[in-house]
């Protein structure tokens, strides 16, 4: 949860700064970025539910999951960071990405709910 708040604050800060129109060479496409962020938020949720006693343990566990996510999507930390900074400086694009993330998370929640009889 704390990581989500931190990401949100970074996003707000970047949204308030003048836009940088220089697209990084390694910019992750918006649809893929939405899928990555969906997985990132799910990983954060998993770690927070573990209730690890040590923040260091939680950070290590998160970094492990984050590495698996980046491997799954064939991106590296630099591409992710550059893309996140770019989209953060373009609020409309970031808003559209997070709309997809929200929709993706809702779908995942709905598929895990037991069917009512």
N, C-alpha and C. Protein backbone atom coordinates (compact mmCIF):
# COMPACT_ATOMS: atom_id res chain seq x y z
N UNK A 1 0.83 -1.18 0.00
CA UNK A 1 0.00 0.00 0.00
C UNK A 1 0.87 1.25 0.00
N UNK A 2 1.94 1.19 0.76
CA UNK A 2 2.85 2.33 0.84
C UNK A 2 3.49 2.59 -0.53
N UNK A 3 3.80 1.53 -1.25
CA UNK A 3 4.40 1.66 -2.57
C UNK A 3 3.41 2.30 -3.54
N UNK A 4 2.14 1.96 -3.44
CA UNK A 4 1.11 2.56 -4.28
C UNK A 4 1.03 4.06 -4.00
N UNK A 5 1.05 4.42 -2.73
CA UNK A 5 1.00 5.83 -2.35
C UNK A 5 2.22 6.57 -2.90
N UNK A 6 3.38 5.95 -2.80
CA UNK A 6 4.60 6.56 -3.32
C UNK A 6 4.49 6.77 -4.83
N UNK A 7 4.04 5.74 -5.55
CA UNK A 7 3.87 5.87 -7.00
C UNK A 7 2.87 6.96 -7.34
N UNK A 8 1.80 7.03 -6.57
CA UNK A 8 0.79 8.07 -6.80
C UNK A 8 1.38 9.45 -6.60
N UNK A 9 2.16 9.63 -5.53
CA UNK A 9 2.77 10.93 -5.27
C UNK A 9 3.78 11.31 -6.35
N UNK A 10 4.53 10.33 -6.84
CA UNK A 10 5.46 10.60 -7.95
C UNK A 10 4.66 11.03 -9.17
N UNK A 11 3.58 10.33 -9.43
CA UNK A 11 2.74 10.65 -10.59
C UNK A 11 2.17 12.06 -10.47
N UNK A 12 1.66 12.44 -9.29
CA UNK A 12 1.10 13.78 -9.09
C UNK A 12 2.19 14.83 -9.29
N UNK A 13 3.36 14.58 -8.73
CA UNK A 13 4.47 15.53 -8.88
C UNK A 13 4.84 15.70 -10.35
N UNK A 14 4.93 14.59 -11.05
CA UNK A 14 5.29 14.65 -12.47
C UNK A 14 4.17 15.30 -13.29
N UNK A 15 2.94 15.07 -12.90
CA UNK A 15 1.80 15.64 -13.63
C UNK A 15 1.79 17.16 -13.52
N UNK A 16 2.34 17.68 -12.44
CA UNK A 16 2.35 19.13 -12.22
C UNK A 16 3.53 19.81 -12.91
N UNK A 17 4.50 19.04 -13.40
CA UNK A 17 5.63 19.65 -14.08
C UNK A 17 5.34 19.75 -15.58
N UNK A 18 6.05 20.66 -16.25
CA UNK A 18 5.79 20.82 -17.69
C UNK A 18 6.09 19.53 -18.44
N UNK A 19 5.28 19.21 -19.45
CA UNK A 19 5.47 17.95 -20.15
C UNK A 19 6.78 17.91 -20.94
N UNK A 20 7.39 16.76 -20.91
CA UNK A 20 8.59 16.51 -21.68
C UNK A 20 8.15 15.66 -22.87
N UNK A 21 8.21 16.23 -24.07
CA UNK A 21 7.70 15.54 -25.24
C UNK A 21 8.70 14.59 -25.87
N UNK A 22 9.86 14.46 -25.27
CA UNK A 22 10.85 13.53 -25.80
C UNK A 22 10.50 12.11 -25.38
N UNK A 23 10.00 11.34 -26.33
CA UNK A 23 9.69 9.94 -26.04
C UNK A 23 11.00 9.17 -25.91
N UNK A 24 11.16 8.41 -24.84
CA UNK A 24 12.38 7.61 -24.74
C UNK A 24 12.40 6.54 -25.83
N UNK A 25 13.59 6.16 -26.25
CA UNK A 25 13.73 5.14 -27.29
C UNK A 25 13.13 3.80 -26.84
N UNK A 26 13.20 3.54 -25.56
CA UNK A 26 12.72 2.27 -25.03
C UNK A 26 11.33 2.39 -24.39
N UNK A 27 10.50 3.32 -24.88
CA UNK A 27 9.17 3.54 -24.32
C UNK A 27 8.32 2.28 -24.48
N UNK A 28 7.74 1.84 -23.39
CA UNK A 28 6.85 0.68 -23.40
C UNK A 28 5.49 1.16 -23.91
N UNK A 29 4.89 0.46 -24.88
CA UNK A 29 3.57 0.87 -25.38
C UNK A 29 2.55 0.91 -24.24
N UNK A 30 1.58 1.81 -24.37
CA UNK A 30 0.61 2.05 -23.29
C UNK A 30 -0.14 0.79 -22.89
N UNK A 31 -0.55 -0.04 -23.85
CA UNK A 31 -1.30 -1.25 -23.50
C UNK A 31 -0.44 -2.22 -22.70
N UNK A 32 0.83 -2.35 -23.07
CA UNK A 32 1.74 -3.22 -22.33
C UNK A 32 2.04 -2.62 -20.95
N UNK A 33 2.19 -1.31 -20.89
CA UNK A 33 2.44 -0.64 -19.61
C UNK A 33 1.28 -0.89 -18.66
N UNK A 34 0.06 -0.87 -19.17
CA UNK A 34 -1.11 -1.13 -18.33
C UNK A 34 -1.07 -2.56 -17.78
N UNK A 35 -0.68 -3.51 -18.62
CA UNK A 35 -0.59 -4.90 -18.15
C UNK A 35 0.52 -5.05 -17.10
N UNK A 36 1.64 -4.38 -17.32
CA UNK A 36 2.75 -4.44 -16.36
C UNK A 36 2.31 -3.83 -15.03
N UNK A 37 1.69 -2.65 -15.07
CA UNK A 37 1.25 -2.00 -13.84
C UNK A 37 0.19 -2.82 -13.11
N UNK A 38 -0.65 -3.52 -13.86
CA UNK A 38 -1.63 -4.41 -13.23
C UNK A 38 -0.90 -5.47 -12.42
N UNK A 39 0.09 -6.10 -13.03
CA UNK A 39 0.88 -7.13 -12.34
C UNK A 39 1.65 -6.54 -11.15
N UNK A 40 2.19 -5.34 -11.32
CA UNK A 40 2.93 -4.67 -10.24
C UNK A 40 2.01 -4.46 -9.03
N UNK A 41 0.81 -3.96 -9.27
CA UNK A 41 -0.11 -3.71 -8.16
C UNK A 41 -0.58 -5.01 -7.51
N UNK A 42 -0.73 -6.05 -8.31
CA UNK A 42 -1.08 -7.35 -7.72
C UNK A 42 0.07 -7.87 -6.86
N UNK A 43 1.30 -7.67 -7.31
CA UNK A 43 2.47 -8.10 -6.52
C UNK A 43 2.53 -7.33 -5.21
N UNK A 44 2.29 -6.03 -5.27
CA UNK A 44 2.29 -5.22 -4.05
C UNK A 44 1.23 -5.72 -3.07
N UNK A 45 0.08 -6.07 -3.60
CA UNK A 45 -1.00 -6.58 -2.75
C UNK A 45 -0.59 -7.90 -2.10
N UNK A 46 0.02 -8.78 -2.90
CA UNK A 46 0.47 -10.07 -2.34
C UNK A 46 1.47 -9.86 -1.21
N UNK A 47 2.40 -8.96 -1.41
CA UNK A 47 3.43 -8.71 -0.39
C UNK A 47 2.79 -8.13 0.87
N UNK A 48 1.86 -7.20 0.70
CA UNK A 48 1.24 -6.60 1.89
C UNK A 48 0.41 -7.61 2.67
N UNK A 49 -0.16 -8.60 1.98
CA UNK A 49 -0.94 -9.63 2.67
C UNK A 49 -0.06 -10.61 3.42
N UNK A 50 1.23 -10.67 3.08
CA UNK A 50 2.14 -11.58 3.77
C UNK A 50 2.42 -11.13 5.20
N UNK A 51 2.21 -9.86 5.48
CA UNK A 51 2.45 -9.30 6.82
C UNK A 51 3.85 -9.65 7.32
N UNK A 52 4.83 -9.40 6.49
CA UNK A 52 6.22 -9.68 6.88
C UNK A 52 6.65 -8.71 7.98
N UNK A 53 7.36 -9.23 8.96
CA UNK A 53 7.77 -8.43 10.11
C UNK A 53 8.78 -7.36 9.73
N UNK A 54 9.60 -7.66 8.76
CA UNK A 54 10.68 -6.75 8.38
C UNK A 54 10.37 -6.07 7.04
N UNK A 55 10.60 -4.77 7.00
CA UNK A 55 10.45 -4.04 5.74
C UNK A 55 11.45 -4.54 4.72
N UNK A 56 12.65 -4.90 5.18
CA UNK A 56 13.67 -5.43 4.28
C UNK A 56 13.19 -6.71 3.61
N UNK A 57 12.55 -7.58 4.38
CA UNK A 57 12.03 -8.83 3.81
C UNK A 57 10.95 -8.54 2.78
N UNK A 58 10.08 -7.60 3.09
CA UNK A 58 9.02 -7.23 2.15
C UNK A 58 9.61 -6.65 0.87
N UNK A 59 10.62 -5.80 1.01
CA UNK A 59 11.27 -5.21 -0.17
C UNK A 59 11.96 -6.27 -1.02
N UNK A 60 12.62 -7.23 -0.37
CA UNK A 60 13.28 -8.31 -1.10
C UNK A 60 12.25 -9.16 -1.85
N UNK A 61 11.16 -9.47 -1.17
CA UNK A 61 10.10 -10.27 -1.81
C UNK A 61 9.50 -9.52 -2.98
N UNK A 62 9.27 -8.22 -2.81
CA UNK A 62 8.71 -7.40 -3.89
C UNK A 62 9.67 -7.34 -5.07
N UNK A 63 10.95 -7.11 -4.81
CA UNK A 63 11.95 -7.03 -5.89
C UNK A 63 12.00 -8.34 -6.68
N UNK A 64 11.85 -9.47 -5.99
CA UNK A 64 11.82 -10.77 -6.66
C UNK A 64 10.61 -10.84 -7.61
N UNK A 65 9.44 -10.45 -7.12
CA UNK A 65 8.24 -10.47 -7.96
C UNK A 65 8.35 -9.48 -9.11
N UNK A 66 8.90 -8.31 -8.83
CA UNK A 66 9.07 -7.29 -9.86
C UNK A 66 9.97 -7.81 -10.99
N UNK A 67 11.05 -8.49 -10.61
CA UNK A 67 11.98 -9.04 -11.61
C UNK A 67 11.26 -10.08 -12.48
N UNK A 68 10.42 -10.91 -11.86
CA UNK A 68 9.65 -11.90 -12.62
C UNK A 68 8.68 -11.22 -13.59
N UNK A 69 8.08 -10.13 -13.15
CA UNK A 69 7.15 -9.39 -14.01
C UNK A 69 7.90 -8.81 -15.21
N UNK A 70 9.03 -8.19 -14.96
CA UNK A 70 9.82 -7.61 -16.06
C UNK A 70 10.28 -8.69 -17.03
N UNK A 71 10.66 -9.85 -16.51
CA UNK A 71 11.06 -10.96 -17.38
C UNK A 71 9.87 -11.43 -18.21
N UNK A 72 8.72 -11.56 -17.58
CA UNK A 72 7.50 -12.00 -18.28
C UNK A 72 7.18 -11.08 -19.46
N UNK A 73 7.33 -9.78 -19.26
CA UNK A 73 6.99 -8.81 -20.30
C UNK A 73 8.19 -8.40 -21.16
N UNK A 74 9.34 -9.03 -20.90
CA UNK A 74 10.57 -8.77 -21.67
C UNK A 74 10.95 -7.28 -21.66
N UNK A 75 10.93 -6.69 -20.47
CA UNK A 75 11.38 -5.30 -20.31
C UNK A 75 12.43 -5.27 -19.20
N UNK A 76 13.23 -4.23 -19.20
CA UNK A 76 14.20 -4.08 -18.12
C UNK A 76 13.80 -2.90 -17.24
N UNK A 77 14.50 -2.75 -16.14
CA UNK A 77 14.18 -1.70 -15.18
C UNK A 77 14.28 -0.32 -15.82
N UNK A 78 15.28 -0.11 -16.67
CA UNK A 78 15.45 1.20 -17.32
C UNK A 78 14.27 1.53 -18.21
N UNK A 79 13.81 0.57 -19.00
CA UNK A 79 12.66 0.81 -19.88
C UNK A 79 11.42 1.12 -19.06
N UNK A 80 11.22 0.36 -17.98
CA UNK A 80 10.06 0.59 -17.13
C UNK A 80 10.13 1.98 -16.49
N UNK A 81 11.28 2.31 -15.93
CA UNK A 81 11.43 3.61 -15.26
C UNK A 81 11.27 4.76 -16.24
N UNK A 82 11.92 4.67 -17.39
CA UNK A 82 11.80 5.72 -18.41
C UNK A 82 10.36 5.87 -18.88
N UNK A 83 9.69 4.75 -19.07
CA UNK A 83 8.30 4.79 -19.52
C UNK A 83 7.40 5.38 -18.45
N UNK A 84 7.64 4.99 -17.19
CA UNK A 84 6.82 5.51 -16.10
C UNK A 84 6.99 7.02 -15.98
N UNK A 85 8.22 7.48 -16.08
CA UNK A 85 8.48 8.93 -16.00
C UNK A 85 7.83 9.64 -17.18
N UNK A 86 7.95 9.08 -18.38
CA UNK A 86 7.35 9.70 -19.56
C UNK A 86 5.83 9.79 -19.41
N UNK A 87 5.19 8.68 -19.07
CA UNK A 87 3.73 8.69 -18.94
C UNK A 87 3.29 9.59 -17.78
N UNK A 88 4.10 9.65 -16.74
CA UNK A 88 3.76 10.52 -15.61
C UNK A 88 3.78 11.99 -16.01
N UNK A 89 4.61 12.32 -16.97
CA UNK A 89 4.66 13.71 -17.43
C UNK A 89 3.61 14.00 -18.50
N UNK A 90 2.82 13.00 -18.84
CA UNK A 90 1.71 13.13 -19.79
C UNK A 90 0.45 12.59 -19.12
N UNK A 91 -0.18 13.43 -18.28
CA UNK A 91 -1.29 12.97 -17.43
C UNK A 91 -2.44 12.30 -18.18
N UNK A 92 -2.77 12.77 -19.36
CA UNK A 92 -3.89 12.15 -20.08
C UNK A 92 -3.56 10.71 -20.46
N UNK A 93 -2.33 10.50 -20.90
CA UNK A 93 -1.92 9.14 -21.25
C UNK A 93 -1.87 8.25 -20.00
N UNK A 94 -1.33 8.80 -18.90
CA UNK A 94 -1.25 8.03 -17.66
C UNK A 94 -2.65 7.72 -17.14
N UNK A 95 -3.55 8.67 -17.26
CA UNK A 95 -4.93 8.43 -16.82
C UNK A 95 -5.56 7.29 -17.62
N UNK A 96 -5.33 7.28 -18.93
CA UNK A 96 -5.87 6.21 -19.77
C UNK A 96 -5.25 4.86 -19.39
N UNK A 97 -3.96 4.86 -19.10
CA UNK A 97 -3.29 3.63 -18.69
C UNK A 97 -3.89 3.13 -17.38
N UNK A 98 -4.06 4.03 -16.41
CA UNK A 98 -4.60 3.59 -15.12
C UNK A 98 -6.08 3.21 -15.20
N UNK A 99 -6.79 3.72 -16.18
CA UNK A 99 -8.16 3.27 -16.41
C UNK A 99 -8.12 1.79 -16.81
N UNK A 100 -7.17 1.44 -17.68
CA UNK A 100 -7.00 0.04 -18.08
C UNK A 100 -6.57 -0.82 -16.90
N UNK A 101 -5.65 -0.29 -16.09
CA UNK A 101 -5.19 -1.04 -14.91
C UNK A 101 -6.37 -1.33 -13.99
N UNK A 102 -7.18 -0.32 -13.73
CA UNK A 102 -8.35 -0.49 -12.87
C UNK A 102 -9.30 -1.53 -13.45
N UNK A 103 -9.56 -1.43 -14.75
CA UNK A 103 -10.44 -2.41 -15.41
C UNK A 103 -9.85 -3.82 -15.31
N UNK A 104 -8.55 -3.95 -15.54
CA UNK A 104 -7.89 -5.26 -15.44
C UNK A 104 -8.01 -5.84 -14.04
N UNK A 105 -7.78 -5.00 -13.03
CA UNK A 105 -7.86 -5.48 -11.64
C UNK A 105 -9.29 -5.88 -11.29
N UNK A 106 -10.27 -5.11 -11.75
CA UNK A 106 -11.67 -5.46 -11.49
C UNK A 106 -12.02 -6.80 -12.13
N UNK A 107 -11.54 -7.03 -13.36
CA UNK A 107 -11.80 -8.31 -14.03
C UNK A 107 -11.18 -9.47 -13.25
N UNK A 108 -9.97 -9.26 -12.76
CA UNK A 108 -9.30 -10.32 -12.00
C UNK A 108 -10.04 -10.60 -10.69
N UNK A 109 -10.55 -9.56 -10.06
CA UNK A 109 -11.32 -9.75 -8.82
C UNK A 109 -12.62 -10.49 -9.13
N UNK A 110 -13.29 -10.08 -10.21
CA UNK A 110 -14.57 -10.71 -10.56
C UNK A 110 -14.41 -12.17 -10.92
N UNK A 111 -13.30 -12.56 -11.54
CA UNK A 111 -13.10 -13.96 -11.90
C UNK A 111 -12.76 -14.81 -10.69
N UNK A 112 -12.30 -14.18 -9.61
CA UNK A 112 -11.97 -14.93 -8.40
C UNK A 112 -13.14 -15.06 -7.44
N UNK A 113 -14.19 -14.25 -7.66
CA UNK A 113 -15.35 -14.33 -6.79
C UNK A 113 -16.13 -15.61 -7.10
N UNK A 114 -16.60 -16.30 -6.05
CA UNK A 114 -17.41 -17.49 -6.30
C UNK A 114 -18.75 -17.10 -6.93
N UNK A 115 -19.23 -17.93 -7.83
CA UNK A 115 -20.51 -17.66 -8.49
C UNK A 115 -21.65 -17.83 -7.49
N UNK A 116 -22.60 -16.91 -7.57
CA UNK A 116 -23.77 -17.01 -6.68
C UNK A 116 -24.81 -17.91 -7.31
N UNK A 117 -25.45 -18.70 -6.48
CA UNK A 117 -26.48 -19.63 -6.98
C UNK A 117 -27.84 -19.00 -6.96
